[in-house]
Protein backbone atom coordinates (compact mmCIF):
# COMPACT_ATOMS: atom_id res chain seq x y z
CA ALA A 1 -19.08 7.12 3.35
CA GLY A 2 -20.30 6.50 6.83
CA LEU A 3 -22.83 7.60 9.40
CA SER A 4 -21.98 8.52 12.93
CA ASP A 5 -24.61 7.74 15.54
CA SER A 6 -22.98 10.25 17.88
CA SER A 7 -23.58 13.16 15.54
CA ASP A 8 -26.48 14.67 13.69
CA ASP A 9 -24.45 15.09 10.54
CA LEU A 10 -23.43 12.72 7.79
CA VAL A 11 -19.68 12.22 7.76
CA VAL A 12 -17.98 11.63 4.44
CA ASP A 13 -14.19 11.33 4.26
CA GLY A 14 -13.77 13.67 7.20
CA SER A 15 -16.12 16.31 5.85
CA ARG A 16 -19.75 16.83 6.83
CA ALA A 17 -22.59 16.82 4.40
CA ALA A 18 -24.90 19.78 4.18
CA THR A 19 -28.04 17.87 5.22
CA PRO A 20 -28.40 17.01 8.94
CA LEU A 21 -29.95 13.68 9.78
CA GLY A 22 -31.85 14.91 12.79
CA THR A 23 -34.51 12.35 13.71
CA LEU A 24 -33.77 10.20 10.70
CA GLY A 25 -34.59 6.96 12.49
CA ASP A 26 -38.11 8.15 13.39
CA ALA A 27 -39.12 9.65 10.04
CA PRO A 28 -41.47 7.65 7.78
CA LEU A 29 -39.51 5.91 5.02
CA GLY A 30 -42.15 6.87 2.47
CA ALA A 31 -40.97 10.46 2.73
CA TYR A 32 -37.60 9.45 1.41
CA GLU A 33 -39.15 7.51 -1.46
CA ARG A 34 -41.20 10.53 -2.53
CA LEU A 35 -38.22 12.82 -2.06
CA MET A 36 -36.15 10.79 -4.53
CA ALA A 37 -38.88 9.84 -7.02
CA ASP A 38 -37.97 12.50 -9.57
CA GLN A 39 -34.23 11.96 -9.09
CA ALA A 40 -34.08 8.15 -8.90
CA ALA A 41 -33.23 7.61 -12.56
CA GLU A 42 -30.46 10.22 -12.39
CA VAL A 43 -29.08 8.68 -9.20
CA ARG A 44 -29.03 5.18 -10.73
CA ARG A 45 -27.25 6.40 -13.86
CA ALA A 46 -24.72 8.32 -11.80
CA ALA A 47 -24.05 5.34 -9.53
CA GLN A 48 -23.05 3.27 -12.55
CA THR A 49 -21.16 5.90 -14.53
CA LEU A 50 -19.32 7.73 -11.73
CA GLY A 51 -18.32 4.70 -9.69
CA PRO A 52 -18.53 4.25 -5.88
CA ALA A 53 -15.96 6.82 -4.78
CA ALA A 54 -16.91 9.63 -7.12
CA PHE A 55 -20.65 9.01 -6.63
CA THR A 56 -20.36 9.13 -2.83
CA HIS A 57 -18.26 12.27 -2.97
CA GLU A 58 -20.74 14.10 -5.21
CA TYR A 59 -24.14 12.92 -4.00
CA VAL A 60 -23.47 12.42 -0.30
CA GLY A 61 -20.57 14.77 0.31
CA GLU A 62 -21.33 17.64 -2.05
CA ARG A 63 -25.11 17.49 -2.49
CA GLY A 64 -25.82 16.21 1.01
CA MET A 65 -28.41 13.66 -0.09
CA ASP A 66 -29.74 11.35 2.58
CA VAL A 67 -28.20 7.88 2.49
CA ARG A 68 -31.55 6.11 3.02
CA ALA A 69 -33.11 8.08 0.18
CA ILE A 70 -30.22 7.10 -2.09
CA LEU A 71 -30.57 3.43 -1.15
CA VAL A 72 -34.28 3.48 -1.96
CA ALA A 73 -33.55 5.23 -5.26
CA LEU A 74 -31.04 2.46 -6.03
CA GLU A 75 -33.90 -0.02 -5.69
CA ILE A 76 -32.95 -1.48 -2.33
CA PRO A 77 -36.23 -2.71 -0.78
CA PRO A 78 -37.54 -0.13 1.71
CA ALA A 79 -38.07 -2.86 4.31
CA LEU A 80 -34.41 -3.77 4.08
CA VAL A 81 -33.29 -0.14 4.35
CA ALA A 82 -35.51 0.35 7.39
CA SER A 83 -34.03 -2.72 9.10
CA VAL A 84 -30.43 -1.50 8.90
CA PRO A 85 -29.12 0.51 11.90
CA VAL A 86 -28.10 4.07 11.15
CA PHE A 87 -24.43 3.38 11.80
CA GLN A 88 -24.48 0.63 9.14
CA LEU A 89 -26.11 2.63 6.35
CA GLY A 90 -22.76 3.81 5.05
CA THR A 91 -21.54 0.22 4.78
CA LEU A 92 -24.73 -0.86 3.03
CA LEU A 93 -24.37 1.96 0.51
CA ARG A 94 -20.72 1.11 -0.12
CA VAL A 95 -21.46 -2.58 -0.67
CA HIS A 96 -24.32 -1.87 -3.05
CA LEU A 97 -22.35 0.72 -5.03
CA GLN A 98 -19.52 -1.79 -5.39
CA ARG A 99 -21.99 -4.33 -6.76
CA LEU A 100 -23.38 -1.81 -9.21
CA HIS A 101 -19.92 -0.80 -10.31
CA GLY A 102 -18.83 -4.42 -10.61
CA ARG A 103 -21.56 -4.73 -13.21
CA ARG A 104 -20.05 -1.93 -15.28
CA PRO A 105 -21.55 -2.40 -18.73
CA LYS A 106 -18.89 -3.69 -21.06
CA LEU A 107 -18.32 -1.53 -24.12
CA THR A 108 -19.70 -3.39 -27.10
CA THR A 109 -17.14 -1.83 -29.46
CA VAL A 110 -14.06 -3.12 -27.63
CA ASN A 111 -13.75 -6.92 -27.68
CA THR A 112 -10.67 -8.17 -29.52
CA PRO A 113 -6.89 -7.61 -29.62
CA GLU A 114 -7.50 -5.68 -32.84
CA ASP A 115 -9.83 -3.37 -30.94
CA VAL A 116 -7.14 -2.88 -28.29
CA VAL A 117 -4.64 -1.95 -30.99
CA ARG A 118 -7.12 0.54 -32.43
CA GLU A 119 -7.70 2.15 -29.03
CA LEU A 120 -3.96 2.35 -28.29
CA LYS A 121 -3.30 4.11 -31.58
CA LYS A 122 -6.26 6.46 -31.14
CA ALA A 123 -5.83 7.38 -27.45
CA GLN A 124 -3.87 10.46 -26.42
CA ARG A 125 -4.26 10.34 -22.62
CA ILE A 126 -3.65 6.76 -21.47
CA MET A 127 -3.75 6.01 -17.76
CA VAL A 128 -1.47 3.04 -17.03
CA LEU A 129 -1.79 1.19 -13.73
CA THR A 130 1.06 -1.23 -13.02
CA GLY A 131 1.45 -3.85 -10.32
CA ALA A 132 4.01 -6.35 -9.19
CA GLY A 133 3.38 -8.52 -12.19
CA VAL A 134 5.46 -6.24 -14.39
CA SER A 135 8.49 -6.64 -12.11
CA VAL A 136 8.46 -10.37 -11.39
CA SER A 137 10.42 -11.06 -14.57
CA CYS A 138 13.11 -8.72 -13.22
CA GLY A 139 13.70 -11.07 -10.28
CA ILE A 140 11.64 -9.13 -7.74
CA PRO A 141 9.33 -11.44 -5.77
CA ASP A 142 5.59 -10.92 -5.73
CA PHE A 143 3.47 -10.91 -2.62
CA ARG A 144 0.61 -13.41 -2.78
CA SER A 145 1.64 -16.21 -5.08
CA PRO A 146 2.44 -19.65 -3.60
CA GLU A 147 6.14 -18.76 -3.79
CA GLY A 148 5.62 -15.09 -2.92
CA ILE A 149 6.76 -12.95 -0.02
CA TYR A 150 3.76 -13.63 2.21
CA THR A 151 4.14 -17.39 1.89
CA ARG A 152 7.85 -17.18 2.73
CA LEU A 153 7.21 -14.93 5.70
CA ASN A 154 4.65 -17.33 7.04
CA ASP A 155 7.01 -20.29 6.61
CA GLU A 156 10.19 -18.61 7.85
CA PHE A 157 8.86 -16.40 10.67
CA GLY A 158 5.58 -18.08 11.63
CA LEU A 159 3.64 -14.83 11.69
CA ASP A 160 -0.06 -14.87 12.50
CA ASP A 161 -0.48 -12.58 9.51
CA PRO A 162 2.43 -12.17 7.07
CA GLN A 163 1.21 -8.65 6.30
CA GLN A 164 2.53 -7.69 9.74
CA MET A 165 5.89 -7.16 8.10
CA PHE A 166 4.39 -4.10 6.42
CA ASP A 167 2.28 -2.90 9.36
CA ILE A 168 3.46 0.45 10.75
CA GLU A 169 2.73 -0.41 14.39
CA TYR A 170 4.46 -3.76 14.08
CA PHE A 171 7.42 -1.98 12.49
CA ARG A 172 7.67 0.37 15.47
CA ASP A 173 7.72 -2.56 17.88
CA THR A 174 9.69 -5.09 15.82
CA PRO A 175 11.74 -3.33 13.11
CA GLU A 176 14.15 -6.25 12.88
CA LEU A 177 11.53 -8.29 11.03
CA PHE A 178 11.34 -5.83 8.15
CA TYR A 179 15.10 -5.37 7.99
CA SER A 180 15.68 -9.12 7.98
CA PHE A 181 13.73 -9.33 4.72
CA ALA A 182 14.12 -5.90 3.12
CA ARG A 183 17.04 -6.86 0.91
CA GLU A 184 14.71 -9.25 -0.96
CA LEU A 185 12.82 -6.17 -2.17
CA TYR A 186 15.60 -3.60 -2.39
CA PRO A 187 16.25 -2.56 -6.02
CA TYR A 188 20.02 -2.78 -5.89
CA ASN A 189 20.72 -4.56 -9.18
CA PHE A 190 17.39 -5.06 -10.92
CA GLU A 191 16.80 -3.89 -14.48
CA PRO A 192 13.47 -2.75 -15.97
CA ALA A 193 11.43 -5.23 -17.99
CA PRO A 194 9.90 -4.84 -21.47
CA SER A 195 6.68 -3.82 -19.72
CA HIS A 196 8.44 -0.78 -18.23
CA ALA A 197 9.90 -0.01 -21.65
CA PHE A 198 6.41 -0.12 -23.16
CA VAL A 199 5.14 2.51 -20.69
CA LYS A 200 8.15 4.67 -21.60
CA LEU A 201 7.32 4.17 -25.29
CA LEU A 202 3.80 5.50 -24.66
CA GLU A 203 5.30 8.51 -22.87
CA ASP A 204 7.76 9.19 -25.68
CA GLN A 205 4.83 9.23 -28.12
CA GLY A 206 2.98 11.76 -25.99
CA LYS A 207 0.24 9.27 -25.11
CA LEU A 208 0.87 8.70 -21.39
CA LEU A 209 -1.41 10.60 -19.06
CA ARG A 210 0.18 9.08 -15.96
CA ASN A 211 1.64 5.79 -14.75
CA TYR A 212 0.15 4.85 -11.38
CA THR A 213 2.41 2.17 -9.97
CA GLN A 214 1.81 0.07 -6.89
CA ASN A 215 5.39 -1.14 -6.98
CA ILE A 216 8.08 0.06 -4.61
CA ASP A 217 11.07 -1.01 -6.72
CA THR A 218 11.55 2.37 -8.53
CA LEU A 219 12.12 0.57 -11.85
CA GLU A 220 9.88 3.14 -13.55
CA HIS A 221 12.41 5.79 -12.59
CA VAL A 222 15.29 3.62 -13.77
CA GLN A 223 13.50 3.30 -17.10
CA GLY A 224 13.27 7.09 -17.26
CA ILE A 225 9.49 7.44 -17.06
CA GLN A 226 8.70 11.00 -15.96
CA ARG A 227 4.91 10.93 -15.54
CA VAL A 228 4.86 8.33 -12.80
CA LEU A 229 3.20 8.31 -9.38
CA ASN A 230 4.43 5.83 -6.76
CA CYS A 231 1.11 5.08 -5.06
CA HIS A 232 2.72 3.11 -2.26
CA GLY A 233 6.00 4.98 -1.99
CA SER A 234 9.42 3.51 -2.69
CA PHE A 235 12.97 2.93 -1.44
CA ALA A 236 14.07 6.20 -3.08
CA THR A 237 13.99 8.08 0.24
CA ALA A 238 13.76 7.21 3.94
CA THR A 239 12.46 8.97 7.04
CA CYS A 240 13.11 8.60 10.78
CA ILE A 241 9.92 7.51 12.53
CA LYS A 242 10.86 9.61 15.58
CA CYS A 243 12.31 12.94 14.51
CA GLY A 244 11.30 13.03 10.84
CA PHE A 245 14.85 13.30 9.51
CA ARG A 246 14.80 12.44 5.81
CA CYS A 247 17.59 11.19 3.60
CA ASP A 248 18.30 9.49 0.29
CA GLY A 249 17.36 5.83 0.33
CA LYS A 250 20.91 4.92 -0.72
CA ALA A 251 22.03 5.79 2.81
CA LEU A 252 20.21 2.68 4.07
CA GLU A 253 21.62 0.32 1.47
CA GLU A 254 24.50 -0.99 3.58
CA ASP A 255 22.21 -1.75 6.53
CA ILE A 256 19.53 -3.31 4.32
CA MET A 257 21.98 -5.61 2.57
CA ALA A 258 23.52 -6.58 5.95
CA MET A 259 20.01 -7.28 7.34
CA ARG A 260 20.46 -4.92 10.27
CA ILE A 261 18.29 -2.10 11.57
CA ALA A 262 19.12 1.33 10.18
CA TYR A 263 19.20 3.86 13.04
CA CYS A 264 18.66 7.57 12.63
CA PRO A 265 21.93 9.53 12.63
CA LYS A 266 20.20 12.69 13.90
CA CYS A 267 18.66 10.94 16.88
CA ALA A 268 22.04 9.39 17.62
CA GLU A 269 23.57 12.89 17.68
CA GLN A 270 20.83 14.44 19.77
CA LYS A 271 20.89 11.95 22.64
CA PRO A 272 24.55 12.51 23.59
CA GLN A 273 23.91 16.25 23.42
CA GLN A 274 20.95 15.88 25.78
CA GLN A 275 23.08 13.81 28.14
CA GLN A 276 25.83 16.46 28.15
CA THR A 277 23.28 19.19 28.87
CA GLN A 278 21.85 17.23 31.78
CA GLN A 279 25.32 16.54 33.12
CA LYS A 280 26.28 20.22 33.01
CA THR A 281 23.06 21.35 34.73
CA GLY A 282 22.94 18.48 37.18
CA GLN A 283 19.52 17.46 35.91
CA GLY A 284 18.29 13.95 35.50
CA SER A 285 16.83 11.40 37.78
CA GLY A 286 19.02 10.82 40.81
CA SER A 287 21.70 13.27 39.62
CA THR A 288 23.51 15.26 42.36
CA GLY A 289 25.78 17.25 40.10
CA ARG A 290 28.79 15.24 41.24
CA LEU A 291 31.14 13.89 38.57
CA VAL A 292 30.52 10.29 39.62
CA ASP A 293 26.76 10.78 39.21
CA MET A 294 27.25 12.46 35.85
CA VAL A 295 29.36 9.59 34.55
CA PHE A 296 27.31 6.79 36.07
CA ASP A 297 23.85 8.26 35.67
CA GLU A 298 21.38 5.50 36.47
CA ASP A 299 19.14 6.55 33.57
CA ASP A 300 21.81 5.87 31.00
CA ASP A 301 24.01 3.19 32.39
CA ASP A 302 22.86 0.16 30.47
CA ASP A 303 23.02 -0.69 26.81
CA GLU A 304 19.55 -2.16 26.91
CA ASP A 305 17.97 1.26 27.41
CA ASP A 306 19.99 2.70 24.55
CA GLU A 307 18.99 -0.19 22.32
CA GLU A 308 15.32 0.23 23.22
CA TYR A 309 15.52 3.94 22.54
CA GLY A 310 16.91 3.36 19.06
CA ALA A 311 14.77 0.38 18.13
CA VAL A 312 11.44 1.89 19.08
CA ARG A 313 11.97 5.51 18.10
CA GLY A 314 15.14 6.43 16.25
CA ILE A 315 14.61 4.07 13.35
CA MET A 316 14.96 4.93 9.67
CA LYS A 317 12.05 3.65 7.60
CA PRO A 318 12.08 3.58 3.78
CA ASP A 319 9.31 5.82 2.47
CA ILE A 320 7.10 2.86 1.60
CA THR A 321 3.44 3.23 2.55
CA PHE A 322 2.82 0.62 5.22
CA PHE A 323 -0.54 -0.76 6.31
CA GLY A 324 -2.01 1.83 8.64
CA GLU A 325 -0.42 4.77 6.84
CA LYS A 326 -2.19 7.21 4.56
CA LEU A 327 -1.30 7.29 0.88
CA PRO A 328 0.43 10.43 -0.35
CA ASP A 329 -1.87 13.40 -0.99
CA GLN A 330 -0.62 13.40 -4.58
CA PHE A 331 -2.58 10.21 -5.20
CA ASP A 332 -5.98 11.80 -4.55
CA GLU A 333 -5.03 15.05 -6.23
CA ALA A 334 -3.74 13.37 -9.39
CA LEU A 335 -6.69 11.00 -9.63
CA LEU A 336 -9.29 13.76 -9.34
CA CYS A 337 -7.52 15.62 -12.12
CA ASP A 338 -6.82 12.64 -14.38
CA ARG A 339 -10.34 11.20 -14.29
CA GLU A 340 -11.53 14.17 -16.32
CA ALA A 341 -8.88 13.67 -19.00
CA VAL A 342 -8.29 9.91 -19.38
CA ASP A 343 -9.41 8.31 -22.65
CA LEU A 344 -8.05 4.78 -22.10
CA LEU A 345 -7.20 2.71 -19.01
CA LEU A 346 -4.50 0.05 -19.29
CA VAL A 347 -3.89 -2.18 -16.26
CA MET A 348 -0.72 -4.29 -16.29
CA GLY A 349 0.44 -6.91 -13.80
CA SER A 350 -2.20 -6.31 -11.17
CA SER A 351 -5.35 -8.15 -10.18
CA LEU A 352 -6.70 -5.09 -8.37
CA LYS A 353 -7.61 -6.66 -5.06
CA VAL A 354 -6.01 -4.04 -2.83
CA ALA A 355 -7.51 -0.69 -1.89
CA PRO A 356 -7.29 2.16 -2.51
CA VAL A 357 -5.56 1.64 -5.86
CA SER A 358 -8.10 -1.04 -6.73
CA GLU A 359 -10.78 1.64 -6.39
CA ILE A 360 -9.37 3.74 -9.22
CA MET A 361 -11.95 2.14 -11.49
CA GLY A 362 -14.61 3.71 -9.31
CA TYR A 363 -13.42 7.17 -10.27
CA LEU A 364 -13.43 6.70 -14.02
CA PRO A 365 -16.41 7.23 -16.33
CA HIS A 366 -17.75 3.92 -17.63
CA THR A 367 -17.37 5.19 -21.18
CA VAL A 368 -13.56 4.99 -20.93
CA PRO A 369 -12.29 1.72 -22.47
CA GLN A 370 -10.67 -0.52 -19.85
CA ILE A 371 -8.03 -3.10 -20.83
CA VAL A 372 -6.14 -5.44 -18.54
CA ILE A 373 -2.95 -7.40 -19.17
CA ASN A 374 -2.54 -10.04 -16.47
CA LYS A 375 -1.42 -13.60 -16.12
CA THR A 376 -4.67 -14.58 -14.43
CA PRO A 377 -8.21 -13.32 -15.12
CA ILE A 378 -9.75 -10.52 -13.05
CA LEU A 379 -13.18 -11.72 -12.02
CA HIS A 380 -14.55 -8.93 -9.84
CA LEU A 381 -14.36 -6.12 -12.40
CA ASN A 382 -15.84 -5.96 -15.88
CA PHE A 383 -12.97 -5.08 -18.20
CA ASP A 384 -13.70 -4.66 -21.88
CA VAL A 385 -10.79 -6.89 -22.89
CA GLN A 386 -8.58 -9.18 -20.81
CA LEU A 387 -5.26 -10.10 -22.42
CA LEU A 388 -4.09 -13.04 -20.33
CA GLY A 389 -0.47 -14.09 -20.19
CA ASP A 390 3.03 -12.78 -19.58
CA ALA A 391 2.95 -8.97 -19.73
CA ASP A 392 6.36 -8.74 -21.38
CA ASP A 393 5.20 -10.94 -24.26
CA ILE A 394 1.88 -9.17 -24.64
CA VAL A 395 3.27 -5.62 -24.76
CA ALA A 396 5.77 -6.69 -27.42
CA TYR A 397 2.89 -8.21 -29.39
CA LEU A 398 0.83 -5.02 -29.06
CA ALA A 399 3.75 -2.82 -30.09
CA LYS A 400 4.28 -4.89 -33.21
CA GLN A 401 0.57 -4.78 -34.10
CA CYS A 402 0.55 -1.00 -33.61
CA GLY A 403 3.52 -0.59 -35.91
CA TRP A 404 5.74 0.63 -33.08
CA GLU A 405 9.20 -0.66 -32.27
CA LEU A 406 9.71 -1.74 -28.68
CA ARG A 407 13.37 -2.35 -27.90
CA HIS A 408 14.56 -4.52 -25.04
CA LYS A 409 17.18 -7.21 -24.71
CA ARG A 410 14.65 -9.70 -23.32
CA ILE A 411 12.57 -9.49 -26.49
CA ALA A 412 13.61 -12.01 -29.14
CA GLY A 413 15.99 -10.23 -31.48
CA GLY A 414 16.06 -7.24 -29.12
CA SER A 415 13.05 -5.60 -30.80
CA SER A 416 9.37 -6.21 -31.45
CA ALA A 417 10.10 -5.38 -35.11
CA SER A 418 12.78 -8.06 -35.49
CA LEU A 419 12.47 -11.20 -37.58
CA GLU A 420 13.40 -13.24 -34.51
CA PHE A 421 10.40 -11.94 -32.61
CA ALA A 422 8.13 -12.59 -35.58
CA ALA A 423 9.45 -16.15 -35.72
CA VAL A 424 8.54 -16.76 -32.08
CA GLY A 425 4.93 -16.17 -33.04
CA VAL A 426 3.62 -14.60 -29.83
CA LYS A 427 -0.15 -14.34 -30.24
CA PRO A 428 -3.37 -15.26 -28.45
CA ALA A 429 -5.22 -18.51 -29.05
CA GLU A 430 -7.94 -18.46 -31.66
CA HIS A 431 -11.58 -18.18 -30.62
CA PRO A 432 -13.68 -20.12 -29.97
CA MET A 433 -11.52 -22.03 -27.49
CA PRO A 434 -12.39 -25.55 -26.36
CA SER A 435 -14.84 -25.79 -23.47
CA VAL A 436 -13.72 -27.14 -20.11
CA GLU A 437 -15.84 -29.81 -18.45
CA VAL A 438 -16.15 -29.61 -14.67
CA ALA A 439 -17.85 -32.05 -12.30
CA VAL A 440 -20.22 -30.04 -10.09
CA ARG A 441 -21.90 -31.34 -6.94
CA GLU A 442 -24.89 -29.60 -5.40
CA MET A 443 -27.65 -30.31 -2.89
CA ARG A 444 -31.26 -30.38 -4.09
CA GLU A 445 -34.50 -30.72 -2.21
CA VAL A 446 -36.39 -34.00 -2.54
CA GLU A 447 -40.15 -33.70 -2.79
CA GLY A 448 -42.25 -36.01 -0.68
CA ALA A 449 -45.93 -36.71 -0.28
CA GLU A 450 -46.27 -33.90 2.24
CA GLY A 451 -43.79 -31.44 0.84
CA VAL A 452 -40.01 -31.43 1.13
CA ALA A 453 -38.83 -34.79 2.43
CA GLY A 454 -35.12 -34.04 2.49
CA VAL A 455 -32.14 -33.26 0.30
CA GLU A 456 -29.95 -35.25 -2.03
CA VAL A 457 -26.52 -34.64 -3.50
CA VAL A 458 -26.57 -34.46 -7.27
CA GLU A 459 -23.41 -34.58 -9.37
CA GLU A 460 -23.35 -33.48 -12.97
CA THR A 461 -20.82 -32.40 -15.56
CA ARG A 462 -21.04 -28.88 -16.90
CA ALA A 463 -19.11 -27.30 -19.75
CA TYR A 464 -17.61 -23.85 -19.32
CA SER A 465 -16.17 -21.73 -22.12
CA VAL A 466 -13.60 -18.95 -22.16
CA PRO A 467 -15.44 -15.62 -22.50
CA GLU A 468 -15.02 -14.03 -25.92
CA HIS A 469 -13.36 -10.92 -24.48
CA TRP A 470 -10.66 -13.03 -22.79
CA HIS A 471 -7.69 -13.56 -25.10
CA VAL A 472 -5.38 -16.24 -23.82
CA PHE A 473 -1.65 -16.23 -24.60
CA PRO A 474 0.47 -19.37 -24.02
CA SER A 475 1.80 -18.17 -20.65
CA ALA A 476 -1.66 -17.48 -19.15
CA VAL A 477 -2.97 -19.28 -16.07
CA VAL A 478 -6.72 -19.87 -16.31
CA THR A 479 -8.40 -22.37 -13.99
CA PRO A 480 -11.79 -24.13 -14.21
CA ARG A 481 -12.86 -22.05 -11.21
CA ASP A 482 -12.16 -18.88 -13.21
CA LEU A 483 -14.44 -20.10 -15.98
CA MET A 484 -17.16 -21.09 -13.52
CA VAL A 485 -17.16 -17.65 -11.93
CA ALA A 486 -17.04 -15.92 -15.31
CA SER A 487 -20.01 -17.98 -16.47
CA GLY A 488 -22.26 -15.91 -14.25
CA ASP A 489 -23.55 -18.75 -12.07
CA ALA A 490 -24.82 -16.74 -9.10
CA ARG A 491 -24.12 -19.45 -6.52
CA VAL A 492 -20.62 -20.09 -7.80
CA ARG A 493 -19.93 -16.36 -8.07
CA MET A 494 -21.08 -15.68 -4.50
CA ALA A 495 -19.04 -18.58 -3.14
CA ALA A 496 -15.99 -17.34 -5.00
CA ALA A 497 -16.52 -13.79 -3.79
CA SER A 498 -16.73 -14.94 -0.18
CA SER A 499 -13.41 -16.75 -0.46
CA GLU A 500 -11.68 -14.24 -2.72
CA SER A 501 -9.72 -12.66 0.10
CA ASP A 502 -8.23 -16.05 0.97
CA ASP A 503 -7.30 -16.98 -2.57
CA SER A 504 -3.93 -16.27 -4.07
CA ASP A 505 -3.27 -16.07 -7.76
CA SER A 506 -2.00 -19.33 -9.00
CA ASP A 507 0.29 -17.60 -11.37
CA GLY A 508 2.22 -15.40 -9.15
CA ASP A 509 1.31 -12.02 -10.42
CA SER A 510 2.33 -9.25 -8.30
CA GLU A 511 0.48 -6.42 -7.14
CA ASP A 512 -1.40 -8.09 -4.54
CA ASP A 513 -1.96 -11.27 -6.21
CA SER A 514 0.91 -12.32 -8.20
CA ASP A 515 1.09 -13.14 -11.69
CA SER A 516 4.51 -13.78 -12.79
CA ASP A 517 4.21 -10.87 -14.96
CA SER A 518 0.93 -9.49 -14.55
CA GLY A 519 -0.64 -10.39 -11.40
CA ASP A 520 -0.44 -8.59 -8.28
CA ASP A 521 1.53 -5.55 -7.85
CA SER A 522 4.87 -5.81 -6.31
CA ASP A 523 3.57 -2.97 -4.37
CA LEU A 524 2.19 -3.05 -0.92
CA ASP A 525 -1.43 -3.52 -1.47
CA SER A 526 -4.29 -2.20 0.47
CA ARG A 527 -2.87 0.35 2.75
CA GLU A 528 -5.71 0.15 5.23
CA PRO A 529 -6.78 -3.48 5.56
CA SER A 530 -9.98 -4.24 7.48
CA ASP A 531 -9.64 -5.94 10.82
CA LYS A 532 -11.76 -8.95 11.71
CA GLU A 533 -14.58 -6.85 13.10
CA ASP A 534 -14.77 -4.77 9.94
CA GLU A 535 -14.83 -7.93 7.85
CA GLU A 536 -17.65 -9.32 9.99
CA ASP A 537 -19.61 -6.09 9.55
CA GLU A 538 -19.07 -6.17 5.80
CA GLU A 539 -20.07 -9.83 5.51
CA LEU A 540 -23.31 -9.43 7.42
CA VAL A 541 -24.31 -6.34 5.48
CA ARG A 542 -23.40 -8.16 2.28
CA GLU A 543 -25.78 -10.91 3.41
CA LEU A 544 -28.53 -8.33 3.71
CA VAL A 545 -27.87 -7.11 0.20
CA GLU A 546 -27.27 -10.45 -1.52
CA THR A 547 -29.77 -12.79 0.12
CA ASN A 548 -32.52 -10.41 1.15
CA ILE A 549 -32.66 -8.21 -1.91
CA ASP A 550 -36.15 -9.56 -2.55
CA GLY A 551 -37.38 -8.03 0.70
CA ALA A 552 -37.27 -11.18 2.82
CA ALA A 553 -36.55 -10.82 6.50
CA PRO A 554 -32.83 -10.58 7.37
CA SER A 555 -31.32 -13.49 9.23
CA GLU A 556 -31.33 -13.46 13.00
CA ALA A 557 -27.54 -13.16 13.07
CA ALA A 558 -27.60 -10.14 10.77
CA ASN A 559 -30.39 -8.47 12.77
CA GLN A 560 -28.62 -9.05 16.06
CA HIS A 561 -25.39 -7.67 14.63
């Protein structure tokens, strides 16, 4: 949602709300408070139950409610709302809705692995969201782990931003970078993991609503999963960025494996035809119609021009959604339909840090149980249960507990029902788990005779425990920082949130983080990353929300911005 200061209408996702803003900036704020008084409770409930995306669509887009009125109803201090420029109201609303949604009330009836088993057996329309973590065990590298693709790109190519490899404009200008690395991702000889087999098992039992995958490796298709949506595209097909010619992705395999640019065969055919036409008609710059001019046309006499023509325009690009490209329309259409039907959300191998897939939670009713299987904890969303560890181990454990047989050669004995698997003893650690002691340093004011005399650094040891709804398997990666953030310490949580975008999962999940089996998605995360200016906007508005929620005056920097 956003406001345009060049228009009298509220703009939401390209559509205009029914209520014009008119002289919004000059109207008394009290009018908005009175306007929303009888609806405030409803608005607050909807903001928590619908999630940011669905709430904005319904209340701002469909009902045309004023953004300032909504902010006041959501208990943002009127003085703060009044201090925010019109063009920043949309950002303020988005930030606050994300905070509300991040505090999704955890379901009190879903806490243990036994509860997860119960929900799996009961559910009939399970939405499964998979990330790169489910494919790392297949040999496909993740993106953000210390050994992941982005780290290697930074080391080997010295890019300012390793995500440039998946930026559409950078691809147009420098396609050789992508093709020099594409074979690392190309699914030429990879086999699905037990995690893929588990999703197929759910489908075979009639329980799978849809598998939303951020991965581009097509292993879901290899596994035979039918109800799958490739949120970020895949190597299955390819399209010319100039003429739109489309072909099977296999046609690019030879070029990808040879690390050379794949040129469009149609563009290659069309250019000679255009040259012949110009030669016959005598057209073209400097052409006189003479044979010598036709053969040695100055516009076409050097290989450099031909190379530039092919490299910039006639290039075949796998149908992977790059940064700067819109996700397929099927994503929005499927999500709007599925949110009404889903009765259980299961996230596997993704830490959900990349939009818009990470925003799926914002579309789902808060009453739907939410379970995550990941190598590292997810700290910015309130899942009912977090099963931490290798996804392949955990799904085999769940299948066994459900009384289902999951077959895969990487499972001990080839089956979750085998004696060999039972002997391995895959299971989570018993609760309560031992506390972790962490040395914490902080600055405190020192009182003097006439007030505050200065500050001193105080160091103390604090004990942090694993939350009861986290169930840690032997392969999990949980750090003291994770426990500190999960403890709810506001200062630690805010510091962690401010640095979250710079952190990479220590495990190597895969979607966007990278847990070796359940971290980030081996997909391309976050199709539309914010540039530095957007991040600055977001940070300053976040300051208004976080530090001035009590109505104090915004900082000078925030006001000036």
